[in-house]
C-alpha cells in the first residue's frame, strides 16, 4: 500500500536494527520501522541462528524523516515497516542500543 496522506504527517521518528558495520558505512537500507521494539528484535533476535550473525556488533538506530519521503507504510503491518528514501533522513542515525553477539 502506498502511504496515505492521513496515515503519517510531518516529521516521523524511525528505527532500524542492523549491524555496526552498516552504521559505520553510513549506507543505510530503505527498510525501517516505527517501533523501537521491532528494530531491537531485528538487531538482536531474528537472525541469531545464522552463522554470519555471531560475533558481529549489532545496533539499533534512531533517526527522523519527513513523511513525504516515506514511500510505503501499511498501518496493518505488524512490523510497522516504512520504506524510506534513506538519502532524506533529517538527522544522522544515532545508536540507541548496541551489543556484540556471541
PDB file of N, CA and C in Angstrom:
ATOM      1  N   UNK A   1       0.844  -1.181   0.000  1.00  0.00           N
ATOM      2  CA  UNK A   1       0.000   0.000   0.000  1.00  0.00           C
ATOM      3  C   UNK A   1       0.884   1.237   0.000  1.00  0.00           C
ATOM      4  N   UNK A   2       0.513   2.168  -0.766  1.00  0.00           N
ATOM      5  CA  UNK A   2       1.204   3.454  -0.785  1.00  0.00           C
ATOM      6  C   UNK A   2       0.798   4.235   0.450  1.00  0.00           C
ATOM      7  N   UNK A   3       1.730   4.965   0.991  1.00  0.00           N
ATOM      8  CA  UNK A   3       1.445   5.783   2.158  1.00  0.00           C
ATOM      9  C   UNK A   3       0.283   6.722   1.884  1.00  0.00           C
ATOM     10  N   UNK A   4      -0.726   6.674   2.726  1.00  0.00           N
ATOM     11  CA  UNK A   4      -1.840   7.608   2.612  1.00  0.00           C
ATOM     12  C   UNK A   4      -1.488   8.927   3.271  1.00  0.00           C
ATOM     13  N   UNK A   5      -1.961  10.006   2.741  1.00  0.00           N
ATOM     14  CA  UNK A   5      -1.591  11.326   3.260  1.00  0.00           C
ATOM     15  C   UNK A   5      -2.048  11.519   4.702  1.00  0.00           C
ATOM     16  N   UNK A   6      -3.046  10.767   5.137  1.00  0.00           N
ATOM     17  CA  UNK A   6      -3.537  10.928   6.506  1.00  0.00           C
ATOM     18  C   UNK A   6      -2.964   9.897   7.473  1.00  0.00           C
ATOM     19  N   UNK A   7      -2.088   8.997   7.004  1.00  0.00           N
ATOM     20  CA  UNK A   7      -1.509   7.970   7.884  1.00  0.00           C
ATOM     21  C   UNK A   7      -0.417   8.540   8.784  1.00  0.00           C
ATOM     22  N   UNK A   8       0.541   9.192   8.178  1.00  0.00           N
ATOM     23  CA  UNK A   8       1.672   9.787   8.901  1.00  0.00           C
ATOM     24  C   UNK A   8       1.850  11.201   8.377  1.00  0.00           C
ATOM     25  N   UNK A   9       2.123  12.111   9.270  1.00  0.00           N
ATOM     26  CA  UNK A   9       2.274  13.502   8.846  1.00  0.00           C
ATOM     27  C   UNK A   9       3.508  14.122   9.480  1.00  0.00           C
ATOM     28  N   UNK A  10       4.133  15.018   8.735  1.00  0.00           N
ATOM     29  CA  UNK A  10       5.254  15.779   9.273  1.00  0.00           C
ATOM     30  C   UNK A  10       6.484  14.938   9.512  1.00  0.00           C
ATOM     31  N   UNK A  11       7.176  15.261  10.584  1.00  0.00           N
ATOM     32  CA  UNK A  11       8.416  14.576  10.951  1.00  0.00           C
ATOM     33  C   UNK A  11       8.089  13.275  11.679  1.00  0.00           C
ATOM     34  N   UNK A  12       8.711  12.175  11.248  1.00  0.00           N
ATOM     35  CA  UNK A  12       8.414  10.848  11.788  1.00  0.00           C
ATOM     36  C   UNK A  12       9.697  10.246  12.367  1.00  0.00           C
ATOM     37  N   UNK A  13       9.612   9.724  13.593  1.00  0.00           N
ATOM     38  CA  UNK A  13      10.736   9.031  14.215  1.00  0.00           C
ATOM     39  C   UNK A  13      10.742   7.597  13.700  1.00  0.00           C
ATOM     40  N   UNK A  14      11.917   7.129  13.260  1.00  0.00           N
ATOM     41  CA  UNK A  14      12.048   5.778  12.716  1.00  0.00           C
ATOM     42  C   UNK A  14      13.236   5.070  13.364  1.00  0.00           C
ATOM     43  N   UNK A  15      13.190   3.725  13.319  1.00  0.00           N
ATOM     44  CA  UNK A  15      14.212   2.882  13.945  1.00  0.00           C
ATOM     45  C   UNK A  15      14.659   1.808  12.966  1.00  0.00           C
ATOM     46  N   UNK A  16      15.904   1.343  13.159  1.00  0.00           N
ATOM     47  CA  UNK A  16      16.433   0.262  12.333  1.00  0.00           C
ATOM     48  C   UNK A  16      17.360  -0.602  13.168  1.00  0.00           C
ATOM     49  N   UNK A  17      17.152  -1.923  13.120  1.00  0.00           N
ATOM     50  CA  UNK A  17      18.053  -2.878  13.744  1.00  0.00           C
ATOM     51  C   UNK A  17      19.000  -3.391  12.677  1.00  0.00           C
ATOM     52  N   UNK A  18      20.308  -3.275  12.900  1.00  0.00           N
ATOM     53  CA  UNK A  18      21.273  -3.609  11.859  1.00  0.00           C
ATOM     54  C   UNK A  18      22.637  -3.916  12.467  1.00  0.00           C
ATOM     55  N   UNK A  19      23.625  -4.028  11.607  1.00  0.00           N
ATOM     56  CA  UNK A  19      24.993  -4.269  12.063  1.00  0.00           C
ATOM     57  C   UNK A  19      25.706  -2.938  12.303  1.00  0.00           C
ATOM     58  N   UNK A  20      26.693  -2.976  13.157  1.00  0.00           N
ATOM     59  CA  UNK A  20      27.510  -1.775  13.389  1.00  0.00           C
ATOM     60  C   UNK A  20      28.253  -1.395  12.116  1.00  0.00           C
ATOM     61  N   UNK A  21      28.588  -2.391  11.287  1.00  0.00           N
ATOM     62  CA  UNK A  21      29.295  -2.076  10.037  1.00  0.00           C
ATOM     63  C   UNK A  21      28.417  -1.261   9.087  1.00  0.00           C
ATOM     64  N   UNK A  22      27.093  -1.515   9.066  1.00  0.00           N
ATOM     65  CA  UNK A  22      26.208  -0.669   8.254  1.00  0.00           C
ATOM     66  C   UNK A  22      26.212   0.758   8.805  1.00  0.00           C
ATOM     67  N   UNK A  23      26.131   0.883  10.109  1.00  0.00           N
ATOM     68  CA  UNK A  23      26.172   2.217  10.719  1.00  0.00           C
ATOM     69  C   UNK A  23      27.469   2.944  10.351  1.00  0.00           C
ATOM     70  N   UNK A  24      28.589   2.248  10.466  1.00  0.00           N
ATOM     71  CA  UNK A  24      29.886   2.860  10.165  1.00  0.00           C
ATOM     72  C   UNK A  24      30.003   3.277   8.703  1.00  0.00           C
ATOM     73  N   UNK A  25      29.390   2.503   7.809  1.00  0.00           N
ATOM     74  CA  UNK A  25      29.473   2.806   6.374  1.00  0.00           C
ATOM     75  C   UNK A  25      28.617   4.012   5.979  1.00  0.00           C
ATOM     76  N   UNK A  26      27.607   4.321   6.800  1.00  0.00           N
ATOM     77  CA  UNK A  26      26.646   5.395   6.523  1.00  0.00           C
ATOM     78  C   UNK A  26      25.821   5.141   5.257  1.00  0.00           C
ATOM     79  N   UNK A  27      25.774   3.885   4.833  1.00  0.00           N
ATOM     80  CA  UNK A  27      24.954   3.480   3.691  1.00  0.00           C
ATOM     81  C   UNK A  27      23.817   2.619   4.222  1.00  0.00           C
ATOM     82  N   UNK A  28      22.689   3.270   4.484  1.00  0.00           N
ATOM     83  CA  UNK A  28      21.576   2.620   5.152  1.00  0.00           C
ATOM     84  C   UNK A  28      20.562   2.071   4.158  1.00  0.00           C
ATOM     85  N   UNK A  29      19.942   0.992   4.545  1.00  0.00           N
ATOM     86  CA  UNK A  29      18.896   0.386   3.734  1.00  0.00           C
ATOM     87  C   UNK A  29      17.619   1.227   3.825  1.00  0.00           C
ATOM     88  N   UNK A  30      16.674   0.916   2.954  1.00  0.00           N
ATOM     89  CA  UNK A  30      15.401   1.646   2.901  1.00  0.00           C
ATOM     90  C   UNK A  30      14.382   1.168   3.925  1.00  0.00           C
ATOM     91  N   UNK A  31      14.568  -0.012   4.481  1.00  0.00           N
ATOM     92  CA  UNK A  31      13.577  -0.605   5.372  1.00  0.00           C
ATOM     93  C   UNK A  31      13.841  -0.223   6.830  1.00  0.00           C
ATOM     94  N   UNK A  32      12.897   0.513   7.415  1.00  0.00           N
ATOM     95  CA  UNK A  32      12.960   0.939   8.810  1.00  0.00           C
ATOM     96  C   UNK A  32      11.629   0.589   9.461  1.00  0.00           C
ATOM     97  N   UNK A  33      11.457   0.889  10.732  1.00  0.00           N
ATOM     98  CA  UNK A  33      10.207   0.644  11.434  1.00  0.00           C
ATOM     99  C   UNK A  33       9.855   1.842  12.310  1.00  0.00           C
ATOM    100  N   UNK A  34       8.591   1.928  12.665  1.00  0.00           N
ATOM    101  CA  UNK A  34       8.132   2.986  13.561  1.00  0.00           C
ATOM    102  C   UNK A  34       8.279   2.592  15.028  1.00  0.00           C
ATOM    103  N   UNK A  35       8.612   1.321  15.299  1.00  0.00           N
ATOM    104  CA  UNK A  35       8.667   0.825  16.678  1.00  0.00           C
ATOM    105  C   UNK A  35      10.081   0.397  17.065  1.00  0.00           C
ATOM    106  N   UNK A  36      10.548   0.957  18.172  1.00  0.00           N
ATOM    107  CA  UNK A  36      11.878   0.620  18.674  1.00  0.00           C
ATOM    108  C   UNK A  36      11.998  -0.875  18.978  1.00  0.00           C
ATOM    109  N   UNK A  37      10.968  -1.480  19.539  1.00  0.00           N
ATOM    110  CA  UNK A  37      10.989  -2.915  19.885  1.00  0.00           C
ATOM    111  C   UNK A  37      11.201  -3.780  18.645  1.00  0.00           C
ATOM    112  N   UNK A  38      10.566  -3.437  17.546  1.00  0.00           N
ATOM    113  CA  UNK A  38      10.740  -4.192  16.296  1.00  0.00           C
ATOM    114  C   UNK A  38      12.190  -4.093  15.828  1.00  0.00           C
ATOM    115  N   UNK A  39      12.759  -2.894  15.855  1.00  0.00           N
ATOM    116  CA  UNK A  39      14.162  -2.704  15.457  1.00  0.00           C
ATOM    117  C   UNK A  39      15.085  -3.505  16.376  1.00  0.00           C
ATOM    118  N   UNK A  40      14.783  -3.506  17.665  1.00  0.00           N
ATOM    119  CA  UNK A  40      15.570  -4.287  18.625  1.00  0.00           C
ATOM    120  C   UNK A  40      15.564  -5.766  18.245  1.00  0.00           C
ATOM    121  N   UNK A  41      14.400  -6.289  17.912  1.00  0.00           N
ATOM    122  CA  UNK A  41      14.307  -7.706  17.540  1.00  0.00           C
ATOM    123  C   UNK A  41      15.094  -8.003  16.260  1.00  0.00           C
ATOM    124  N   UNK A  42      15.067  -7.095  15.295  1.00  0.00           N
ATOM    125  CA  UNK A  42      15.853  -7.301  14.076  1.00  0.00           C
ATOM    126  C   UNK A  42      17.351  -7.220  14.369  1.00  0.00           C
ATOM    127  N   UNK A  43      17.737  -6.399  15.306  1.00  0.00           N
ATOM    128  CA  UNK A  43      19.157  -6.282  15.641  1.00  0.00           C
ATOM    129  C   UNK A  43      19.653  -7.493  16.421  1.00  0.00           C
ATOM    130  N   UNK A  44      18.862  -7.960  17.396  1.00  0.00           N
ATOM    131  CA  UNK A  44      19.390  -8.912  18.365  1.00  0.00           C
ATOM    132  C   UNK A  44      18.718 -10.281  18.418  1.00  0.00           C
ATOM    133  N   UNK A  45      17.598 -10.478  17.727  1.00  0.00           N
ATOM    134  CA  UNK A  45      16.855 -11.732  17.881  1.00  0.00           C
ATOM    135  C   UNK A  45      16.674 -12.494  16.570  1.00  0.00           C
ATOM    136  N   UNK A  46      16.100 -11.881  15.565  1.00  0.00           N
ATOM    137  CA  UNK A  46      15.641 -12.592  14.367  1.00  0.00           C
ATOM    138  C   UNK A  46      16.703 -13.416  13.655  1.00  0.00           C
ATOM    139  N   UNK A  47      17.929 -12.973  13.642  1.00  0.00           N
ATOM    140  CA  UNK A  47      18.963 -13.656  12.852  1.00  0.00           C
ATOM    141  C   UNK A  47      20.006 -14.353  13.720  1.00  0.00           C
ATOM    142  N   UNK A  48      19.737 -14.529  15.000  1.00  0.00           N
ATOM    143  CA  UNK A  48      20.764 -15.043  15.897  1.00  0.00           C
ATOM    144  C   UNK A  48      21.179 -16.486  15.641  1.00  0.00           C
ATOM    145  N   UNK A  49      20.457 -17.213  14.797  1.00  0.00           N
ATOM    146  CA  UNK A  49      20.864 -18.584  14.467  1.00  0.00           C
ATOM    147  C   UNK A  49      21.703 -18.652  13.194  1.00  0.00           C
ATOM    148  N   UNK A  50      21.860 -17.553  12.497  1.00  0.00           N
ATOM    149  CA  UNK A  50      22.657 -17.552  11.269  1.00  0.00           C
ATOM    150  C   UNK A  50      24.140 -17.454  11.610  1.00  0.00           C
ATOM    151  N   UNK A  51      24.928 -18.245  10.920  1.00  0.00           N
ATOM    152  CA  UNK A  51      26.351 -18.344  11.216  1.00  0.00           C
ATOM    153  C   UNK A  51      27.075 -16.998  11.122  1.00  0.00           C
ATOM    154  N   UNK A  52      26.794 -16.218  10.097  1.00  0.00           N
ATOM    155  CA  UNK A  52      27.497 -14.946   9.921  1.00  0.00           C
ATOM    156  C   UNK A  52      27.009 -13.851  10.875  1.00  0.00           C
ATOM    157  N   UNK A  53      25.977 -14.160  11.641  1.00  0.00           N
ATOM    158  CA  UNK A  53      25.427 -13.212  12.607  1.00  0.00           C
ATOM    159  C   UNK A  53      26.249 -13.189  13.894  1.00  0.00           C
ATOM    160  N   UNK A  54      26.759 -14.350  14.291  1.00  0.00           N
ATOM    161  CA  UNK A  54      27.507 -14.426  15.531  1.00  0.00           C
ATOM    162  C   UNK A  54      28.806 -13.643  15.418  1.00  0.00           C
ATOM    163  N   UNK A  55      29.229 -13.154  16.546  1.00  0.00           N
ATOM    164  CA  UNK A  55      30.466 -12.375  16.648  1.00  0.00           C
ATOM    165  C   UNK A  55      30.434 -11.086  15.830  1.00  0.00           C
ATOM    166  N   UNK A  56      29.243 -10.553  15.626  1.00  0.00           N
ATOM    167  CA  UNK A  56      29.121  -9.247  14.979  1.00  0.00           C
ATOM    168  C   UNK A  56      28.577  -8.255  15.990  1.00  0.00           C
ATOM    169  N   UNK A  57      28.924  -7.034  15.799  1.00  0.00           N
ATOM    170  CA  UNK A  57      28.389  -5.984  16.630  1.00  0.00           C
ATOM    171  C   UNK A  57      27.073  -5.520  16.019  1.00  0.00           C
ATOM    172  N   UNK A  58      26.022  -5.515  16.809  1.00  0.00           N
ATOM    173  CA  UNK A  58      24.677  -5.183  16.348  1.00  0.00           C
ATOM    174  C   UNK A  58      24.212  -3.901  17.026  1.00  0.00           C
ATOM    175  N   UNK A  59      23.396  -3.118  16.318  1.00  0.00           N
ATOM    176  CA  UNK A  59      22.939  -1.835  16.843  1.00  0.00           C
ATOM    177  C   UNK A  59      21.475  -1.589  16.499  1.00  0.00           C
ATOM    178  N   UNK A  60      20.845  -0.763  17.314  1.00  0.00           N
ATOM    179  CA  UNK A  60      19.532  -0.198  16.997  1.00  0.00           C
ATOM    180  C   UNK A  60      19.765   1.285  16.738  1.00  0.00           C
ATOM    181  N   UNK A  61      19.279   1.733  15.593  1.00  0.00           N
ATOM    182  CA  UNK A  61      19.434   3.122  15.192  1.00  0.00           C
ATOM    183  C   UNK A  61      18.111   3.863  15.307  1.00  0.00           C
ATOM    184  N   UNK A  62      18.193   5.152  15.555  1.00  0.00           N
ATOM    185  CA  UNK A  62      17.027   6.023  15.566  1.00  0.00           C
ATOM    186  C   UNK A  62      17.350   7.218  14.682  1.00  0.00           C
ATOM    187  N   UNK A  63      16.360   7.635  13.894  1.00  0.00           N
ATOM    188  CA  UNK A  63      16.506   8.828  13.079  1.00  0.00           C
ATOM    189  C   UNK A  63      15.136   9.461  12.900  1.00  0.00           C
ATOM    190  N   UNK A  64      15.088  10.488  12.071  1.00  0.00           N
ATOM    191  CA  UNK A  64      13.824  11.164  11.746  1.00  0.00           C
ATOM    192  C   UNK A  64      13.793  11.426  10.247  1.00  0.00           C
ATOM    193  N   UNK A  65      12.576  11.389   9.712  1.00  0.00           N
ATOM    194  CA  UNK A  65      12.383  11.652   8.290  1.00  0.00           C
ATOM    195  C   UNK A  65      11.030  12.336   8.109  1.00  0.00           C
ATOM    196  N   UNK A  66      10.911  13.169   7.112  1.00  0.00           N
ATOM    197  CA  UNK A  66       9.622  13.779   6.804  1.00  0.00           C
ATOM    198  C   UNK A  66       8.742  12.729   6.121  1.00  0.00           C
ATOM    199  N   UNK A  67       7.473  12.741   6.438  1.00  0.00           N
ATOM    200  CA  UNK A  67       6.561  11.720   5.914  1.00  0.00           C
ATOM    201  C   UNK A  67       6.520  11.703   4.387  1.00  0.00           C
ATOM    202  N   UNK A  68       6.766  12.829   3.745  1.00  0.00           N
ATOM    203  CA  UNK A  68       6.741  12.854   2.277  1.00  0.00           C
ATOM    204  C   UNK A  68       7.868  12.020   1.665  1.00  0.00           C
ATOM    205  N   UNK A  69       8.855  11.624   2.476  1.00  0.00           N
ATOM    206  CA  UNK A  69       9.957  10.787   1.987  1.00  0.00           C
ATOM    207  C   UNK A  69       9.793   9.326   2.407  1.00  0.00           C
ATOM    208  N   UNK A  70       8.603   8.985   2.889  1.00  0.00           N
ATOM    209  CA  UNK A  70       8.254   7.595   3.185  1.00  0.00           C
ATOM    210  C   UNK A  70       7.447   7.088   1.996  1.00  0.00           C
ATOM    211  N   UNK A  71       7.965   6.054   1.342  1.00  0.00           N
ATOM    212  CA  UNK A  71       7.337   5.551   0.111  1.00  0.00           C
ATOM    213  C   UNK A  71       6.287   4.482   0.374  1.00  0.00           C
ATOM    214  N   UNK A  72       6.401   3.820   1.525  1.00  0.00           N
ATOM    215  CA  UNK A  72       5.478   2.725   1.822  1.00  0.00           C
ATOM    216  C   UNK A  72       5.230   2.683   3.315  1.00  0.00           C
ATOM    217  N   UNK A  73       3.977   2.509   3.673  1.00  0.00           N
ATOM    218  CA  UNK A  73       3.586   2.244   5.054  1.00  0.00           C
ATOM    219  C   UNK A  73       2.211   1.613   5.025  1.00  0.00           C
ATOM    220  N   UNK A  74       2.073   0.499   5.716  1.00  0.00           N
ATOM    221  CA  UNK A  74       0.788  -0.188   5.841  1.00  0.00           C
ATOM    222  C   UNK A  74       0.475  -0.250   7.323  1.00  0.00           C
ATOM    223  N   UNK A  75      -0.519   0.499   7.758  1.00  0.00           N
ATOM    224  CA  UNK A  75      -0.839   0.555   9.188  1.00  0.00           C
ATOM    225  C   UNK A  75      -1.231  -0.800   9.761  1.00  0.00           C
ATOM    226  N   UNK A  76      -1.572  -1.763   8.905  1.00  0.00           N
ATOM    227  CA  UNK A  76      -1.939  -3.096   9.371  1.00  0.00           C
ATOM    228  C   UNK A  76      -0.747  -4.051   9.447  1.00  0.00           C
ATOM    229  N   UNK A  77       0.437  -3.601   9.028  1.00  0.00           N
ATOM    230  CA  UNK A  77       1.652  -4.415   9.063  1.00  0.00           C
ATOM    231  C   UNK A  77       2.133  -4.534  10.507  1.00  0.00           C
ATOM    232  N   UNK A  78       2.286  -5.765  10.999  1.00  0.00           N
ATOM    233  CA  UNK A  78       2.665  -5.957  12.402  1.00  0.00           C
ATOM    234  C   UNK A  78       4.099  -5.520  12.709  1.00  0.00           C
ATOM    235  N   UNK A  79       4.910  -5.269  11.685  1.00  0.00           N
ATOM    236  CA  UNK A  79       6.269  -4.774  11.905  1.00  0.00           C
ATOM    237  C   UNK A  79       6.334  -3.247  11.811  1.00  0.00           C
ATOM    238  N   UNK A  80       5.225  -2.610  11.488  1.00  0.00           N
ATOM    239  CA  UNK A  80       5.200  -1.154  11.300  1.00  0.00           C
ATOM    240  C   UNK A  80       6.345  -0.688  10.402  1.00  0.00           C
ATOM    241  N   UNK A  81       6.569  -1.462   9.343  1.00  0.00           N
ATOM    242  CA  UNK A  81       7.656  -1.153   8.413  1.00  0.00           C
ATOM    243  C   UNK A  81       7.355   0.098   7.604  1.00  0.00           C
ATOM    244  N   UNK A  82       8.384   0.897   7.400  1.00  0.00           N
ATOM    245  CA  UNK A  82       8.326   2.022   6.485  1.00  0.00           C
ATOM    246  C   UNK A  82       9.480   1.868   5.504  1.00  0.00           C
ATOM    247  N   UNK A  83       9.190   2.100   4.240  1.00  0.00           N
ATOM    248  CA  UNK A  83      10.222   2.126   3.210  1.00  0.00           C
ATOM    249  C   UNK A  83      10.480   3.595   2.917  1.00  0.00           C
ATOM    250  N   UNK A  84      11.727   3.990   3.086  1.00  0.00           N
ATOM    251  CA  UNK A  84      12.062   5.415   3.030  1.00  0.00           C
ATOM    252  C   UNK A  84      13.080   5.716   1.937  1.00  0.00           C
ATOM    253  N   UNK A  85      13.217   6.990   1.644  1.00  0.00           N
ATOM    254  CA  UNK A  85      14.338   7.477   0.848  1.00  0.00           C
ATOM    255  C   UNK A  85      15.441   7.782   1.856  1.00  0.00           C
ATOM    256  N   UNK A  86      16.355   6.850   2.011  1.00  0.00           N
ATOM    257  CA  UNK A  86      17.372   6.947   3.058  1.00  0.00           C
ATOM    258  C   UNK A  86      18.298   8.155   2.887  1.00  0.00           C
ATOM    259  N   UNK A  87      18.288   8.761   1.718  1.00  0.00           N
ATOM    260  CA  UNK A  87      19.094   9.973   1.492  1.00  0.00           C
ATOM    261  C   UNK A  87      18.439  11.203   2.094  1.00  0.00           C
ATOM    262  N   UNK A  88      17.199  11.061   2.562  1.00  0.00           N
ATOM    263  CA  UNK A  88      16.421  12.210   3.064  1.00  0.00           C
ATOM    264  C   UNK A  88      16.252  12.216   4.581  1.00  0.00           C
ATOM    265  N   UNK A  89      17.076  11.465   5.297  1.00  0.00           N
ATOM    266  CA  UNK A  89      16.990  11.481   6.751  1.00  0.00           C
ATOM    267  C   UNK A  89      17.260  12.898   7.255  1.00  0.00           C
ATOM    268  N   UNK A  90      16.448  13.364   8.205  1.00  0.00           N
ATOM    269  CA  UNK A  90      16.597  14.716   8.738  1.00  0.00           C
ATOM    270  C   UNK A  90      17.845  14.824   9.603  1.00  0.00           C
ATOM    271  N   UNK A  91      18.068  13.807  10.437  1.00  0.00           N
ATOM    272  CA  UNK A  91      19.249  13.789  11.289  1.00  0.00           C
ATOM    273  C   UNK A  91      20.012  12.503  11.014  1.00  0.00           C
ATOM    274  N   UNK A  92      21.327  12.520  11.172  1.00  0.00           N
ATOM    275  CA  UNK A  92      22.078  11.274  11.007  1.00  0.00           C
ATOM    276  C   UNK A  92      21.591  10.251  12.028  1.00  0.00           C
ATOM    277  N   UNK A  93      21.466   9.004  11.626  1.00  0.00           N
ATOM    278  CA  UNK A  93      21.033   7.987  12.587  1.00  0.00           C
ATOM    279  C   UNK A  93      21.959   7.912  13.791  1.00  0.00           C
ATOM    280  N   UNK A  94      21.362   7.755  14.957  1.00  0.00           N
ATOM    281  CA  UNK A  94      22.110   7.628  16.212  1.00  0.00           C
ATOM    282  C   UNK A  94      21.931   6.226  16.756  1.00  0.00           C
ATOM    283  N   UNK A  95      22.997   5.683  17.337  1.00  0.00           N
ATOM    284  CA  UNK A  95      22.910   4.381  18.001  1.00  0.00           C
ATOM    285  C   UNK A  95      22.214   4.563  19.331  1.00  0.00           C
ATOM    286  N   UNK A  96      21.143   3.802  19.551  1.00  0.00           N
ATOM    287  CA  UNK A  96      20.454   3.872  20.842  1.00  0.00           C
ATOM    288  C   UNK A  96      20.586   2.587  21.644  1.00  0.00           C
ATOM    289  N   UNK A  97      21.125   1.525  21.021  1.00  0.00           N
ATOM    290  CA  UNK A  97      21.374   0.260  21.691  1.00  0.00           C
ATOM    291  C   UNK A  97      22.431  -0.490  20.904  1.00  0.00           C
ATOM    292  N   UNK A  98      23.325  -1.200  21.607  1.00  0.00           N
ATOM    293  CA  UNK A  98      24.421  -1.863  20.911  1.00  0.00           C
ATOM    294  C   UNK A  98      24.919  -3.033  21.743  1.00  0.00           C
ATOM    295  N   UNK A  99      25.291  -4.153  21.070  1.00  0.00           N
ATOM    296  CA  UNK A  99      25.978  -5.253  21.746  1.00  0.00           C
ATOM    297  C   UNK A  99      26.628  -6.158  20.722  1.00  0.00           C
ATOM    298  N   UNK A 100      27.638  -6.889  21.180  1.00  0.00           N
ATOM    299  CA  UNK A 100      28.309  -7.869  20.336  1.00  0.00           C
ATOM    300  C   UNK A 100      27.647  -9.213  20.546  1.00  0.00           C
ATOM    301  N   UNK A 101      27.311  -9.888  19.452  1.00  0.00           N
ATOM    302  CA  UNK A 101      26.635 -11.181  19.539  1.00  0.00           C
ATOM    303  C   UNK A 101      27.689 -12.290  19.611  1.00  0.00           C
ATOM    304  N   UNK A 102      27.503 -13.216  20.535  1.00  0.00           N
ATOM    305  CA  UNK A 102      28.442 -14.349  20.682  1.00  0.00           C
ATOM    306  C   UNK A 102      27.894 -15.589  20.043  1.00  0.00           C
TER     307      UNK A 102
END
